[in-house]
Amino acid sequence: MHNGEAKVIYMARNPKDLVVSYYQFHRSLRTMSYRGTFQEFCRRFMNDKLAYGSWFEHVQEFWEHRMDSNVLFLKYEDMFKVILCLSHNKSFFVCSFSEWSV
């Protein structure tokens, strides 16, 4: 990614929506079997006390590269605008970055 040859689409999700899905995911897994309250889960999420690392650090790493020519940083909620652009062009990264503005 750092040499500029790879093209990366990074999709970040609104943390409020993500934590609800993440909570349901944790509750559904036999191996994790989270049984605490949603409020406690949110505190654990905010304090980086859940599996898979910090959401905040992960998003921040890609946010710092959002202006790189080979990185397209998107929000999940804006995905449908991008899909429309791709469907019109039938090619990966054919749209200019000004067309990707969301």
C-alpha atoms as a PDB file:
ATOM      1  CA  MET A   1       0.000   0.000   0.000  1.00  0.00           C
ATOM      2  CA  HIS A   2       2.795   2.420   0.849  1.00  0.00           C
ATOM      3  CA  ASN A   3       4.437   2.257  -2.570  1.00  0.00           C
ATOM      4  CA  GLY A   4       1.233   3.495  -4.192  1.00  0.00           C
ATOM      5  CA  GLU A   5       0.612   0.501  -6.445  1.00  0.00           C
ATOM      6  CA  ALA A   6      -2.161  -1.151  -4.454  1.00  0.00           C
ATOM      7  CA  LYS A   7      -5.584   0.464  -4.494  1.00  0.00           C
ATOM      8  CA  VAL A   8      -7.459   0.412  -1.217  1.00  0.00           C
ATOM      9  CA  ILE A   9     -11.097   1.060  -0.467  1.00  0.00           C
ATOM     10  CA  TYR A  10     -11.520   1.544   3.260  1.00  0.00           C
ATOM     11  CA  MET A  11     -15.048   1.564   4.570  1.00  0.00           C
ATOM     12  CA  ALA A  12     -15.646   2.971   8.048  1.00  0.00           C
ATOM     13  CA  ARG A  13     -18.936   2.486   9.791  1.00  0.00           C
ATOM     14  CA  ASN A  14     -20.639   4.907  12.147  1.00  0.00           C
ATOM     15  CA  PRO A  15     -19.498   3.791  15.624  1.00  0.00           C
ATOM     16  CA  LYS A  16     -23.049   3.956  17.021  1.00  0.00           C
ATOM     17  CA  ASP A  17     -24.285   1.515  14.375  1.00  0.00           C
ATOM     18  CA  LEU A  18     -21.173  -0.596  14.606  1.00  0.00           C
ATOM     19  CA  VAL A  19     -21.359  -1.123  18.372  1.00  0.00           C
ATOM     20  CA  VAL A  20     -24.948  -2.420  18.101  1.00  0.00           C
ATOM     21  CA  SER A  21     -23.930  -4.960  15.440  1.00  0.00           C
ATOM     22  CA  TYR A  22     -20.760  -5.835  17.314  1.00  0.00           C
ATOM     23  CA  TYR A  23     -22.781  -6.436  20.494  1.00  0.00           C
ATOM     24  CA  GLN A  24     -25.167  -8.783  18.673  1.00  0.00           C
ATOM     25  CA  PHE A  25     -22.201 -10.547  17.041  1.00  0.00           C
ATOM     26  CA  HIS A  26     -20.523 -11.139  20.416  1.00  0.00           C
ATOM     27  CA  ARG A  27     -23.750 -12.444  21.902  1.00  0.00           C
ATOM     28  CA  SER A  28     -24.218 -14.892  19.013  1.00  0.00           C
ATOM     29  CA  LEU A  29     -20.780 -16.526  19.217  1.00  0.00           C
ATOM     30  CA  ARG A  30     -20.462 -19.687  21.233  1.00  0.00           C
ATOM     31  CA  THR A  31     -16.803 -18.985  21.962  1.00  0.00           C
ATOM     32  CA  MET A  32     -17.385 -15.470  23.312  1.00  0.00           C
ATOM     33  CA  SER A  33     -20.947 -15.838  24.561  1.00  0.00           C
ATOM     34  CA  TYR A  34     -21.094 -12.271  25.869  1.00  0.00           C
ATOM     35  CA  ARG A  35     -23.893 -12.000  28.427  1.00  0.00           C
ATOM     36  CA  GLY A  36     -23.369  -8.509  29.858  1.00  0.00           C
ATOM     37  CA  THR A  37     -25.603  -5.511  29.281  1.00  0.00           C
ATOM     38  CA  PHE A  38     -25.414  -3.339  26.210  1.00  0.00           C
ATOM     39  CA  GLN A  39     -24.285  -0.409  28.376  1.00  0.00           C
ATOM     40  CA  GLU A  40     -21.385  -2.446  29.743  1.00  0.00           C
ATOM     41  CA  PHE A  41     -20.501  -3.578  26.230  1.00  0.00           C
ATOM     42  CA  CYS A  42     -20.412   0.062  25.101  1.00  0.00           C
ATOM     43  CA  ARG A  43     -18.062   0.943  27.962  1.00  0.00           C
ATOM     44  CA  ARG A  44     -15.811  -1.968  27.003  1.00  0.00           C
ATOM     45  CA  PHE A  45     -15.892  -0.851  23.343  1.00  0.00           C
ATOM     46  CA  MET A  46     -14.975   2.729  24.244  1.00  0.00           C
ATOM     47  CA  ASN A  47     -12.140   1.559  26.522  1.00  0.00           C
ATOM     48  CA  ASP A  48     -10.696  -0.966  24.027  1.00  0.00           C
ATOM     49  CA  LYS A  49     -11.526  -3.958  26.216  1.00  0.00           C
ATOM     50  CA  LEU A  50     -12.983  -6.169  23.474  1.00  0.00           C
ATOM     51  CA  ALA A  51     -11.410  -8.667  21.110  1.00  0.00           C
ATOM     52  CA  TYR A  52      -9.958  -7.656  17.736  1.00  0.00           C
ATOM     53  CA  GLY A  53      -8.321  -4.372  18.795  1.00  0.00           C
ATOM     54  CA  SER A  54      -9.409  -0.769  18.905  1.00  0.00           C
ATOM     55  CA  TRP A  55     -11.916   0.391  16.310  1.00  0.00           C
ATOM     56  CA  PHE A  56     -10.794   3.971  16.934  1.00  0.00           C
ATOM     57  CA  GLU A  57      -7.116   3.258  16.261  1.00  0.00           C
ATOM     58  CA  HIS A  58      -7.925   1.228  13.158  1.00  0.00           C
ATOM     59  CA  VAL A  59     -10.061   3.955  11.602  1.00  0.00           C
ATOM     60  CA  GLN A  60      -7.519   6.615  12.558  1.00  0.00           C
ATOM     61  CA  GLU A  61      -4.745   4.767  10.706  1.00  0.00           C
ATOM     62  CA  PHE A  62      -6.688   4.839   7.452  1.00  0.00           C
ATOM     63  CA  TRP A  63      -8.077   8.336   8.021  1.00  0.00           C
ATOM     64  CA  GLU A  64      -4.486   9.584   7.970  1.00  0.00           C
ATOM     65  CA  HIS A  65      -4.164   8.173   4.421  1.00  0.00           C
ATOM     66  CA  ARG A  66      -7.519   9.395   3.119  1.00  0.00           C
ATOM     67  CA  MET A  67      -5.873  11.901   0.755  1.00  0.00           C
ATOM     68  CA  ASP A  68      -3.425   9.380  -0.727  1.00  0.00           C
ATOM     69  CA  SER A  69      -4.099   8.844  -4.423  1.00  0.00           C
ATOM     70  CA  ASN A  70      -4.458   5.080  -3.985  1.00  0.00           C
ATOM     71  CA  VAL A  71      -6.807   5.185  -0.975  1.00  0.00           C
ATOM     72  CA  LEU A  72     -10.531   5.751  -1.068  1.00  0.00           C
ATOM     73  CA  PHE A  73     -11.864   6.338   2.451  1.00  0.00           C
ATOM     74  CA  LEU A  74     -15.616   5.846   2.603  1.00  0.00           C
ATOM     75  CA  LYS A  75     -18.297   5.853   5.217  1.00  0.00           C
ATOM     76  CA  TYR A  76     -20.604   2.849   5.163  1.00  0.00           C
ATOM     77  CA  GLU A  77     -23.594   5.144   5.123  1.00  0.00           C
ATOM     78  CA  ASP A  78     -22.413   6.719   1.852  1.00  0.00           C
ATOM     79  CA  MET A  79     -21.771   3.395   0.121  1.00  0.00           C
ATOM     80  CA  PHE A  80     -24.748   3.592  -2.232  1.00  0.00           C
ATOM     81  CA  LYS A  81     -23.445   6.759  -3.901  1.00  0.00           C
ATOM     82  CA  VAL A  82     -20.199   4.943  -4.670  1.00  0.00           C
ATOM     83  CA  ILE A  83     -21.973   1.845  -5.973  1.00  0.00           C
ATOM     84  CA  LEU A  84     -23.911   4.057  -8.367  1.00  0.00           C
ATOM     85  CA  CYS A  85     -20.662   5.606  -9.629  1.00  0.00           C
ATOM     86  CA  LEU A  86     -19.042   2.184 -10.103  1.00  0.00           C
ATOM     87  CA  SER A  87     -22.071   0.741 -11.875  1.00  0.00           C
ATOM     88  CA  HIS A  88     -21.989   3.565 -14.427  1.00  0.00           C
ATOM     89  CA  ASN A  89     -18.288   3.121 -15.141  1.00  0.00           C
ATOM     90  CA  LYS A  90     -18.029  -0.696 -15.008  1.00  0.00           C
ATOM     91  CA  SER A  91     -14.469  -0.452 -13.739  1.00  0.00           C
ATOM     92  CA  PHE A  92     -12.627  -0.239 -10.461  1.00  0.00           C
ATOM     93  CA  PHE A  93     -11.439   3.294  -9.659  1.00  0.00           C
ATOM     94  CA  VAL A  94     -12.453   4.774 -12.993  1.00  0.00           C
ATOM     95  CA  CYS A  95     -14.254   7.653 -11.286  1.00  0.00           C
ATOM     96  CA  SER A  96     -12.153  10.635 -10.405  1.00  0.00           C
ATOM     97  CA  PHE A  97     -11.898  11.473  -6.739  1.00  0.00           C
ATOM     98  CA  SER A  98     -14.062  14.548  -7.295  1.00  0.00           C
ATOM     99  CA  GLU A  99     -16.852  12.208  -8.397  1.00  0.00           C
ATOM    100  CA  TRP A 100     -16.393  10.203  -5.180  1.00  0.00           C
ATOM    101  CA  SER A 101     -17.108  13.213  -2.991  1.00  0.00           C
ATOM    102  CA  VAL A 102     -19.784  12.207  -0.558  1.00  0.00           C
END
